[in-house]
Protein backbone atom coordinates (compact mmCIF):
# COMPACT_ATOMS: atom_id res chain seq x y z
CA UNK A 1 2.67 -38.55 22.33
CA UNK A 2 -0.13 -38.90 20.21
CA UNK A 3 0.64 -40.27 16.71
CA UNK A 4 -1.09 -38.76 13.66
CA UNK A 5 -3.89 -41.21 13.05
CA UNK A 6 -5.13 -41.15 16.82
CA UNK A 7 -4.88 -37.38 17.11
CA UNK A 8 -6.75 -36.68 13.90
CA UNK A 9 -9.59 -39.28 15.42
CA UNK A 10 -9.67 -37.45 18.49
CA UNK A 11 -9.99 -34.31 17.09
CA UNK A 12 -12.96 -35.13 14.46
CA UNK A 13 -15.12 -36.93 17.07
CA UNK A 14 -14.28 -34.95 20.17
CA UNK A 15 -12.81 -37.68 22.30
CA UNK A 16 -10.00 -35.34 23.59
CA UNK A 17 -11.75 -34.31 26.54
CA UNK A 18 -8.98 -32.03 27.29
CA UNK A 19 -9.43 -29.72 24.76
CA UNK A 20 -11.97 -26.90 25.61
CA UNK A 21 -14.13 -25.93 22.39
CA UNK A 22 -12.16 -28.33 20.25
CA UNK A 23 -15.63 -28.84 17.87
CA UNK A 24 -15.05 -24.92 16.79
CA UNK A 25 -11.50 -25.55 15.60
CA UNK A 26 -11.03 -24.66 11.83
CA UNK A 27 -9.13 -27.64 11.18
CA UNK A 28 -12.23 -29.73 12.49
CA UNK A 29 -14.46 -27.72 10.43
CA UNK A 30 -12.23 -28.44 7.12
CA UNK A 31 -12.45 -32.39 7.95
CA UNK A 32 -15.73 -32.36 8.29
CA UNK A 33 -16.71 -30.24 5.34
CA UNK A 34 -14.30 -32.67 3.19
CA UNK A 35 -16.11 -35.68 4.78
CA UNK A 36 -19.49 -34.16 3.45
CA UNK A 37 -18.30 -33.35 0.43
CA UNK A 38 -16.75 -36.85 -0.44
CA UNK A 39 -19.42 -38.69 1.46
CA UNK A 40 -17.01 -40.35 3.59
CA UNK A 41 -16.98 -40.46 7.41
CA UNK A 42 -14.31 -38.06 8.84
CA UNK A 43 -12.64 -40.96 10.17
CA UNK A 44 -12.07 -42.58 6.68
CA UNK A 45 -9.98 -39.48 5.63
CA UNK A 46 -6.21 -39.35 6.01
CA UNK A 47 -4.74 -37.28 9.23
CA UNK A 48 -4.80 -33.49 8.11
CA UNK A 49 -1.73 -33.44 10.16
CA UNK A 50 0.17 -35.02 7.53
CA UNK A 51 -0.35 -32.45 5.15
CA UNK A 52 -0.24 -29.41 7.25
CA UNK A 53 0.69 -28.56 10.97
CA UNK A 54 -2.80 -28.59 12.58
CA UNK A 55 -2.04 -26.38 15.61
CA UNK A 56 -0.55 -23.90 13.29
CA UNK A 57 -3.34 -23.98 10.84
CA UNK A 58 -5.77 -23.59 13.89
CA UNK A 59 -3.68 -20.37 15.13
CA UNK A 60 -3.62 -18.90 11.62
CA UNK A 61 -7.52 -19.36 11.12
CA UNK A 62 -8.46 -18.30 14.44
CA UNK A 63 -8.08 -14.44 13.52
CA UNK A 64 -9.00 -11.86 16.17
CA UNK A 65 -11.32 -10.26 13.60
CA UNK A 66 -14.00 -12.50 12.52
CA UNK A 67 -14.69 -10.22 9.64
CA UNK A 68 -11.43 -10.20 7.88
CA UNK A 69 -10.44 -12.99 5.40
CA UNK A 70 -6.80 -12.78 6.25
CA UNK A 71 -4.91 -14.95 6.45
CA UNK A 72 -6.14 -17.38 3.78
CA UNK A 73 -4.67 -20.87 3.47
CA UNK A 74 -4.88 -22.88 0.28
CA UNK A 75 -3.81 -26.49 0.06
CA UNK A 76 -4.43 -30.09 -1.02
CA UNK A 77 -6.21 -32.61 1.42
CA UNK A 78 -7.96 -36.03 0.60
CA UNK A 79 -7.79 -35.27 -3.28
CA UNK A 80 -9.64 -31.85 -2.86
CA UNK A 81 -8.48 -28.36 -3.21
CA UNK A 82 -9.03 -26.55 -0.03
CA UNK A 83 -9.48 -22.55 0.45
CA UNK A 84 -9.99 -21.49 4.24
CA UNK A 85 -10.25 -18.22 5.09
CA UNK A 86 -9.80 -16.36 8.91
CA UNK A 87 -13.47 -15.23 8.52
CA UNK A 88 -14.91 -19.06 8.45
CA UNK A 89 -15.29 -19.50 4.56
CA UNK A 90 -14.13 -23.08 3.64
CA UNK A 91 -14.31 -23.79 0.09
CA UNK A 92 -13.60 -27.22 -1.70
CA UNK A 93 -12.96 -27.85 -5.45
CA UNK A 94 -11.86 -30.33 -7.54
CA UNK A 95 -7.82 -30.17 -8.19
CA UNK A 96 -8.25 -31.32 -11.43
CA UNK A 97 -10.37 -28.47 -12.31
CA UNK A 98 -8.20 -25.95 -10.09
CA UNK A 99 -4.74 -26.32 -10.12
CA UNK A 100 -3.80 -26.21 -6.50
CA UNK A 101 -0.27 -24.34 -7.08
CA UNK A 102 -2.21 -21.55 -8.80
CA UNK A 103 -2.81 -18.24 -6.65
CA UNK A 104 -5.95 -17.75 -7.46
CA UNK A 105 -6.54 -14.10 -8.90
CA UNK A 106 -3.33 -12.99 -7.18
CA UNK A 107 -1.21 -13.15 -10.15
CA UNK A 108 -0.18 -9.42 -9.73
CA UNK A 109 2.22 -10.64 -7.18
CA UNK A 110 6.07 -11.25 -7.86
CA UNK A 111 8.71 -13.46 -5.95
CA UNK A 112 10.78 -10.65 -3.53
CA UNK A 113 12.45 -13.33 -1.06
CA UNK A 114 13.66 -16.79 -1.66
CA UNK A 115 13.50 -19.39 1.11
CA UNK A 116 16.67 -18.72 3.43
CA UNK A 117 17.95 -18.55 7.27
CA UNK A 118 16.06 -15.48 8.25
CA UNK A 119 12.44 -15.97 9.47
CA UNK A 120 9.85 -15.71 7.08
CA UNK A 121 8.36 -12.63 8.95
CA UNK A 122 11.76 -10.88 8.63
CA UNK A 123 11.76 -11.49 4.80
CA UNK A 124 8.29 -10.15 4.32
CA UNK A 125 8.83 -7.48 6.44
CA UNK A 126 11.93 -6.66 4.63
CA UNK A 127 10.14 -6.84 1.26
CA UNK A 128 7.19 -4.59 2.04
CA UNK A 129 9.78 -1.99 3.71
CA UNK A 130 11.91 -1.70 0.82
CA UNK A 131 8.78 -1.28 -1.40
CA UNK A 132 7.05 1.51 0.69
CA UNK A 133 10.08 3.29 2.37
CA UNK A 134 8.53 2.17 5.64
CA UNK A 135 10.41 1.39 8.70
CA UNK A 136 10.78 -2.55 9.06
CA UNK A 137 10.02 -2.91 12.60
CA UNK A 138 6.56 -0.86 12.18
CA UNK A 139 5.87 -3.14 9.00
CA UNK A 140 6.97 -6.35 11.02
CA UNK A 141 4.21 -5.16 13.83
CA UNK A 142 1.61 -4.64 11.27
CA UNK A 143 2.21 -8.07 10.02
CA UNK A 144 1.94 -9.54 13.39
CA UNK A 145 -1.36 -7.73 13.90
CA UNK A 146 -2.76 -9.84 10.98
CA UNK A 147 -1.03 -13.42 11.22
CA UNK A 148 0.80 -15.14 13.75
CA UNK A 149 4.26 -15.19 12.44
CA UNK A 150 5.38 -18.50 14.50
CA UNK A 151 2.16 -20.46 13.02
CA UNK A 152 3.14 -19.28 9.50
CA UNK A 153 6.66 -20.60 9.83
CA UNK A 154 5.35 -23.98 11.13
CA UNK A 155 2.66 -24.68 9.02
CA UNK A 156 4.41 -26.59 6.22
CA UNK A 157 7.45 -27.75 8.42
CA UNK A 158 8.14 -31.51 8.15
CA UNK A 159 6.64 -33.58 10.99
CA UNK A 160 8.16 -34.55 14.23
CA UNK A 161 9.11 -37.93 12.98
CA UNK A 162 10.94 -36.28 10.19
CA UNK A 163 8.56 -36.71 7.23
CA UNK A 164 7.90 -33.85 5.26
CA UNK A 165 4.61 -32.49 4.63
CA UNK A 166 2.79 -31.24 1.35
CA UNK A 167 2.22 -27.87 3.21
CA UNK A 168 -0.06 -25.06 2.11
CA UNK A 169 0.05 -21.61 0.50
CA UNK A 170 -0.82 -18.70 2.84
CA UNK A 171 -1.92 -15.35 1.23
CA UNK A 172 -2.90 -12.14 3.29
CA UNK A 173 -2.90 -8.35 2.81
CA UNK A 174 -1.21 -5.82 4.89
CA UNK A 175 -0.25 -2.19 4.64
CA UNK A 176 -1.45 -2.03 1.00
CA UNK A 177 0.46 -5.13 -0.02
CA UNK A 178 -0.76 -8.67 -0.90
CA UNK A 179 1.53 -11.53 0.56
CA UNK A 180 2.01 -15.02 -0.86
CA UNK A 181 4.14 -17.52 1.11
CA UNK A 182 4.15 -20.94 -0.54
CA UNK A 183 4.76 -23.89 1.30
CA UNK A 184 8.58 -23.89 0.59
CA UNK A 185 8.76 -20.50 2.16
CA UNK A 186 9.13 -18.22 -0.68
CA UNK A 187 7.72 -15.03 -0.28
CA UNK A 188 5.91 -13.01 -3.16
CA UNK A 189 4.58 -9.55 -2.96
CA UNK A 190 2.10 -7.12 -4.90
CA UNK A 191 0.27 -4.33 -4.49
CA UNK A 192 -3.52 -4.54 -3.06
CA UNK A 193 -4.38 -1.71 -5.46
CA UNK A 194 -2.90 -3.32 -8.33
CA UNK A 195 -5.02 -6.54 -7.77
CA UNK A 196 -8.23 -4.64 -7.34
CA UNK A 197 -7.59 -2.74 -10.72
CA UNK A 198 -6.33 -5.78 -12.44
CA UNK A 199 -8.83 -8.49 -11.31
CA UNK A 200 -12.02 -6.34 -10.70
CA UNK A 201 -14.29 -5.10 -7.83
CA UNK A 202 -16.28 -2.15 -7.00
CA UNK A 203 -15.07 1.27 -5.84
CA UNK A 204 -16.82 4.43 -4.59
CA UNK A 205 -15.66 7.93 -5.31
CA UNK A 206 -16.67 10.17 -2.71
CA UNK A 207 -15.76 13.93 -2.52
CA UNK A 208 -17.55 17.32 -2.39
CA UNK A 209 -15.25 18.34 -5.37
CA UNK A 210 -15.77 20.14 -8.70
CA UNK A 211 -17.03 17.70 -11.57
CA UNK A 212 -14.04 18.35 -13.57
CA UNK A 213 -12.01 16.23 -10.60
CA UNK A 214 -14.52 13.59 -10.54
CA UNK A 215 -13.62 13.33 -14.48
CA UNK A 216 -10.13 12.65 -13.84
CA UNK A 217 -10.87 9.98 -11.08
CA UNK A 218 -13.27 8.39 -13.24
CA UNK A 219 -10.84 8.36 -16.08
CA UNK A 220 -8.24 6.61 -14.20
CA UNK A 221 -10.68 3.83 -13.33
CA UNK A 222 -12.01 3.23 -16.96
CA UNK A 223 -8.61 1.82 -17.96
CA UNK A 224 -5.74 2.32 -20.24
CA UNK A 225 -6.80 2.94 -23.93
CA UNK A 226 -4.18 0.47 -25.28
CA UNK A 227 -6.08 -2.24 -23.56
CA UNK A 228 -9.41 -1.81 -25.70
CA UNK A 229 -11.74 -2.67 -22.82
CA UNK A 230 -15.63 -2.62 -22.77
CA UNK A 231 -17.14 0.62 -21.11
CA UNK A 232 -20.45 1.08 -19.89
CA UNK A 233 -21.83 4.20 -18.43
CA UNK A 234 -25.34 4.39 -16.35
CA UNK A 235 -25.95 8.34 -16.31
CA UNK A 236 -28.17 9.59 -13.48
CA UNK A 237 -27.54 13.34 -13.31
CA UNK A 238 -24.39 13.81 -15.85
CA UNK A 239 -24.58 14.84 -19.36
CA UNK A 240 -23.75 12.01 -22.07
CA UNK A 241 -20.55 14.32 -22.85
CA UNK A 242 -18.61 12.78 -20.02
CA UNK A 243 -18.13 9.82 -21.96
CA UNK A 244 -16.19 11.57 -24.22
CA UNK A 245 -14.43 13.73 -21.81
CA UNK A 246 -13.00 10.50 -19.74
CA UNK A 247 -12.53 8.25 -22.39
CA UNK A 248 -9.65 8.00 -25.08
CA UNK A 249 -11.02 8.34 -28.66
CA UNK A 250 -10.37 4.96 -29.43
CA UNK A 251 -12.71 3.79 -26.77
CA UNK A 252 -15.62 6.03 -27.47
CA UNK A 253 -16.93 4.14 -30.27
CA UNK A 254 -17.14 0.68 -28.32
CA UNK A 255 -18.88 2.53 -25.41
CA UNK A 256 -22.48 1.91 -24.13
CA UNK A 257 -24.64 4.10 -22.24
CA UNK A 258 -27.81 3.49 -20.02
CA UNK A 259 -29.09 6.90 -19.95
CA UNK A 260 -31.60 7.72 -17.05
CA UNK A 261 -34.11 10.57 -18.21
CA UNK A 262 -33.77 12.86 -15.30
CA UNK A 263 -35.54 16.16 -15.43
CA UNK A 264 -32.82 17.59 -13.20
CA UNK A 265 -30.30 16.64 -15.33
CA UNK A 266 -27.66 19.29 -15.93
CA UNK A 267 -27.02 20.48 -19.07
CA UNK A 268 -23.96 22.74 -18.10
CA UNK A 269 -21.35 19.91 -18.92
CA UNK A 270 -18.45 20.92 -21.03
CA UNK A 271 -16.34 18.88 -23.46
CA UNK A 272 -16.44 17.45 -26.68
CA UNK A 273 -20.02 16.22 -27.87
CA UNK A 274 -20.45 12.46 -27.70
CA UNK A 275 -20.55 11.34 -31.27
CA UNK A 276 -23.26 9.23 -32.77
CA UNK A 277 -21.07 6.18 -32.61
CA UNK A 278 -21.74 5.83 -28.78
CA UNK A 279 -24.55 3.19 -28.19
CA UNK A 280 -27.39 4.72 -25.77
CA UNK A 281 -28.41 1.21 -25.04
CA UNK A 282 -31.28 2.04 -22.69
CA UNK A 283 -33.14 5.01 -21.42
CA UNK A 284 -34.90 3.65 -18.48
CA UNK A 285 -37.59 6.11 -16.86
CA UNK A 286 -37.31 4.89 -12.99
CA UNK A 287 -34.79 3.84 -11.03
CA UNK A 288 -36.02 0.07 -10.67
CA UNK A 289 -35.71 -0.08 -14.52
CA UNK A 290 -32.32 1.44 -14.26
CA UNK A 291 -31.09 -1.34 -12.43
CA UNK A 292 -32.54 -3.62 -14.49
CA UNK A 293 -31.11 -2.31 -17.68
CA UNK A 294 -27.51 -2.02 -15.87
CA UNK A 295 -27.50 -5.67 -15.01
CA UNK A 296 -28.65 -7.07 -17.84
CA UNK A 297 -25.94 -5.21 -20.04
CA UNK A 298 -23.26 -6.19 -17.68
CA UNK A 299 -24.32 -9.89 -17.71
CA UNK A 300 -24.56 -9.44 -21.76
CA UNK A 301 -21.01 -8.57 -21.79
CA UNK A 302 -20.21 -12.08 -20.35
CA UNK A 303 -22.22 -13.95 -22.97
CA UNK A 304 -23.00 -12.03 -26.01
CA UNK A 305 -19.24 -10.78 -26.33
CA UNK A 306 -17.50 -12.89 -23.97
CA UNK A 307 -14.79 -10.94 -22.03
CA UNK A 308 -11.13 -11.69 -22.89
CA UNK A 309 -9.62 -11.28 -19.18
CA UNK A 310 -10.15 -10.07 -15.84
CA UNK A 311 -10.82 -6.39 -15.30
CA UNK A 312 -11.91 -6.22 -19.24
CA UNK A 313 -15.21 -4.45 -18.10
CA UNK A 314 -15.41 -1.06 -16.98
CA UNK A 315 -18.49 0.30 -15.50
CA UNK A 316 -19.15 3.98 -14.42
CA UNK A 317 -22.50 5.18 -12.36
CA UNK A 318 -22.46 8.78 -12.14
CA UNK A 319 -24.01 9.74 -9.78
CA UNK A 320 -25.61 8.16 -6.76
CA UNK A 321 -27.51 11.00 -5.70
CA UNK A 322 -30.92 10.47 -7.26
CA UNK A 323 -30.88 7.10 -6.06
CA UNK A 324 -30.71 8.45 -2.56
CA UNK A 325 -32.89 11.45 -2.78
CA UNK A 326 -35.58 9.02 -4.31
CA UNK A 327 -35.19 5.97 -2.31
CA UNK A 328 -32.91 6.86 0.48
CA UNK A 329 -29.64 4.76 1.58
CA UNK A 330 -31.52 1.32 2.36
CA UNK A 331 -33.26 1.51 -1.14
CA UNK A 332 -29.97 2.68 -2.76
CA UNK A 333 -28.51 -0.52 -1.52
CA UNK A 334 -31.11 -2.58 -2.61
CA UNK A 335 -30.67 -1.36 -6.07
CA UNK A 336 -26.71 -1.51 -5.91
CA UNK A 337 -26.27 -4.68 -4.54
CA UNK A 338 -27.40 -6.73 -7.62
CA UNK A 339 -25.05 -4.48 -9.65
CA UNK A 340 -21.99 -4.89 -7.75
CA UNK A 341 -22.65 -8.63 -7.50
CA UNK A 342 -23.02 -8.65 -11.43
CA UNK A 343 -19.52 -6.66 -11.82
CA UNK A 344 -17.74 -9.13 -9.56
CA UNK A 345 -19.29 -11.97 -11.67
CA UNK A 346 -17.53 -10.86 -14.84
CA UNK A 347 -14.62 -9.59 -12.77
CA UNK A 348 -15.14 -6.28 -14.01
CA UNK A 349 -14.36 -3.17 -12.11
CA UNK A 350 -17.07 -0.86 -11.29
CA UNK A 351 -16.87 3.04 -9.81
CA UNK A 352 -19.99 4.77 -8.28
CA UNK A 353 -19.73 8.30 -8.09
CA UNK A 354 -21.29 10.03 -4.61
CA UNK A 355 -20.37 13.98 -4.74
CA UNK A 356 -20.13 14.49 -1.06
CA UNK A 357 -17.37 14.48 1.66
CA UNK A 358 -16.44 10.99 2.86
CA UNK A 359 -16.93 11.84 6.62
CA UNK A 360 -20.85 12.20 5.44
CA UNK A 361 -23.33 9.74 6.98
CA UNK A 362 -24.37 8.83 3.37
CA UNK A 363 -20.84 7.62 2.52
CA UNK A 364 -20.75 5.57 6.01
CA UNK A 365 -24.07 3.80 4.74
CA UNK A 366 -22.97 2.83 1.59
CA UNK A 367 -19.01 1.71 2.00
CA UNK A 368 -19.77 -1.68 2.70
CA UNK A 369 -20.87 -2.47 -0.80
CA UNK A 370 -17.47 -1.50 -2.08
CA UNK A 371 -14.13 -3.05 -2.08
CA UNK A 372 -12.43 0.28 -1.92
CA UNK A 373 -13.25 4.23 -1.75
CA UNK A 374 -11.22 6.84 -3.68
CA UNK A 375 -11.67 10.01 -1.28
CA UNK A 376 -11.00 13.30 -3.33
CA UNK A 377 -10.15 16.70 -1.78
CA UNK A 378 -8.80 20.14 -3.00
CA UNK A 379 -5.83 20.57 -0.83
CA UNK A 380 -3.10 22.99 -0.16
CA UNK A 381 -1.06 21.42 -3.22
CA UNK A 382 -4.11 21.21 -5.22
CA UNK A 383 -6.39 18.13 -6.22
CA UNK A 384 -5.49 14.99 -4.10
CA UNK A 385 -6.87 11.47 -3.93
CA UNK A 386 -6.26 8.55 -1.10
CA UNK A 387 -7.65 5.03 -1.39
CA UNK A 388 -9.31 3.32 1.58
CA UNK A 389 -9.20 -0.57 1.03
CA UNK A 390 -11.60 -1.83 3.17
CA UNK A 391 -10.85 -5.53 3.05
CA UNK A 392 -7.56 -4.87 4.95
CA UNK A 393 -8.83 -1.45 6.54
CA UNK A 394 -5.60 0.13 4.98
CA UNK A 395 -5.73 3.70 3.95
CA UNK A 396 -3.31 5.25 1.45
CA UNK A 397 -1.58 8.66 1.89
CA UNK A 398 -2.59 11.71 0.16
CA UNK A 399 -1.47 11.79 -3.37
CA UNK A 400 -1.94 14.08 -6.26
CA UNK A 401 -4.89 13.44 -8.65
CA UNK A 402 -4.16 13.50 -12.33
CA UNK A 403 -4.69 11.47 -15.36
CA UNK A 404 -2.51 8.66 -15.21
CA UNK A 405 -0.87 6.50 -17.99
CA UNK A 406 -2.58 3.31 -16.52
CA UNK A 407 -6.12 4.96 -16.50
C-alpha cells in the first residue's frame, strides 16, 4: 500500500505511470497552485491526503458539466484557504484574512440534519423533499446528477490508519436549494433564490406583458422598504413616474435616476408624479454615456456612501429595448457587461427589463449575462412568474405575480 507521503509525491511529479492523465486531476492542480502561491516545491508541501481523501476530492471536482461550479469544496491546506469548484476554478486566500469555517456568502442556509447513521445523501434528499413537497427518491436522483454521493461521504472520513482528517466543506445547488455539508457531516439547506436576493447578482425580467405587471415584478426586486436600501434607476424608455409606482414613500427621497433622454419616451405612464426629492443624477444623450453614468453611480455607492450589507444596492434598468434597437445584441452585451460587473463588485442586486417573451432569440442572446431570469406571463389564473436560475439550470413552477412583503 502506498503511504500518504509517497502517494502525494508520485501524483505531483507524475511518477505514478499507472495513472492515465493524472496530471489533469484537480488534486494535482490544487497542490501546484499552493506551491506557486507559497514559493515552494510541491514536494515540500504536506500530503494533501492528510487533509481530505484525494480520490474523493478528484471525483467530486471532475464534474460532467465543465461549466457548472458545483460542487464547490472549501478547506484549509498548507496554511491556505482553498476554494475549488467543479468548473476548474481554484482560489487561494490567507486563512488569517478569511475564516475557513465561514460559508462565504451562503449565510442564508440553516442546519436541517445533524450527523447520524443515515447516509449523507439520504439526509440531504429528505430535507429538500420536506421543504419542497417533492418525492424523496426523485430528489435523490437529482442530487446524484450534481454530486457523487460516495465521494461526498468519503471526503472527510478518517484515513486508513485511523487518523482523522480536518476535512472539507462541500457546497452545491440542486432543485432551487443550496446545500452545505460540513466536515463533520452536518447538512444545511437554504433557498437559492433567497441567496440571490440577499447577496446580490443580476436578474433579467422577460415577458411580453403589460407595463403594470412589469412594475410589480420590478417592485418585488427593489427590496423591503423597512431595509432602507439604495435605489438607482436607469430609465431608457419609461417615464420617471415609475419610481414612485415601484418604491415605498420612505424610499423615494433617497432614490437616484439616470435618465436617458429618448425622443420616443412614452409619456403615457400612470401613477403619482415623482417629487423634486428624487435626484436625477445624470441625463446622458447617448447609450455609451448612459453605461458610464450607471457604472460610475454604482461604484460611488460603494465609496462615497459605503453599503452596509450585501444586497443593499438595488438597480433597475428599464428597458433594454433602446440598447437593442440601436446597438444590436453584441453592442448591448458590451454595454451591459461592465454594469453587471459593477453590481457584483458591490454585492448589489440589479434587474433589467426586456419586454419580450422568453422564447424570443433576443432573450437567448442576453441570458448568459445574468444570474437568473424572471419570466412573466398572463395565464389562465392571472399574472404569473417563474424563475430560471442559470447557475444550477433550475426552473421554478409558475406562481402568481403580486407585490410581496419582501419586495
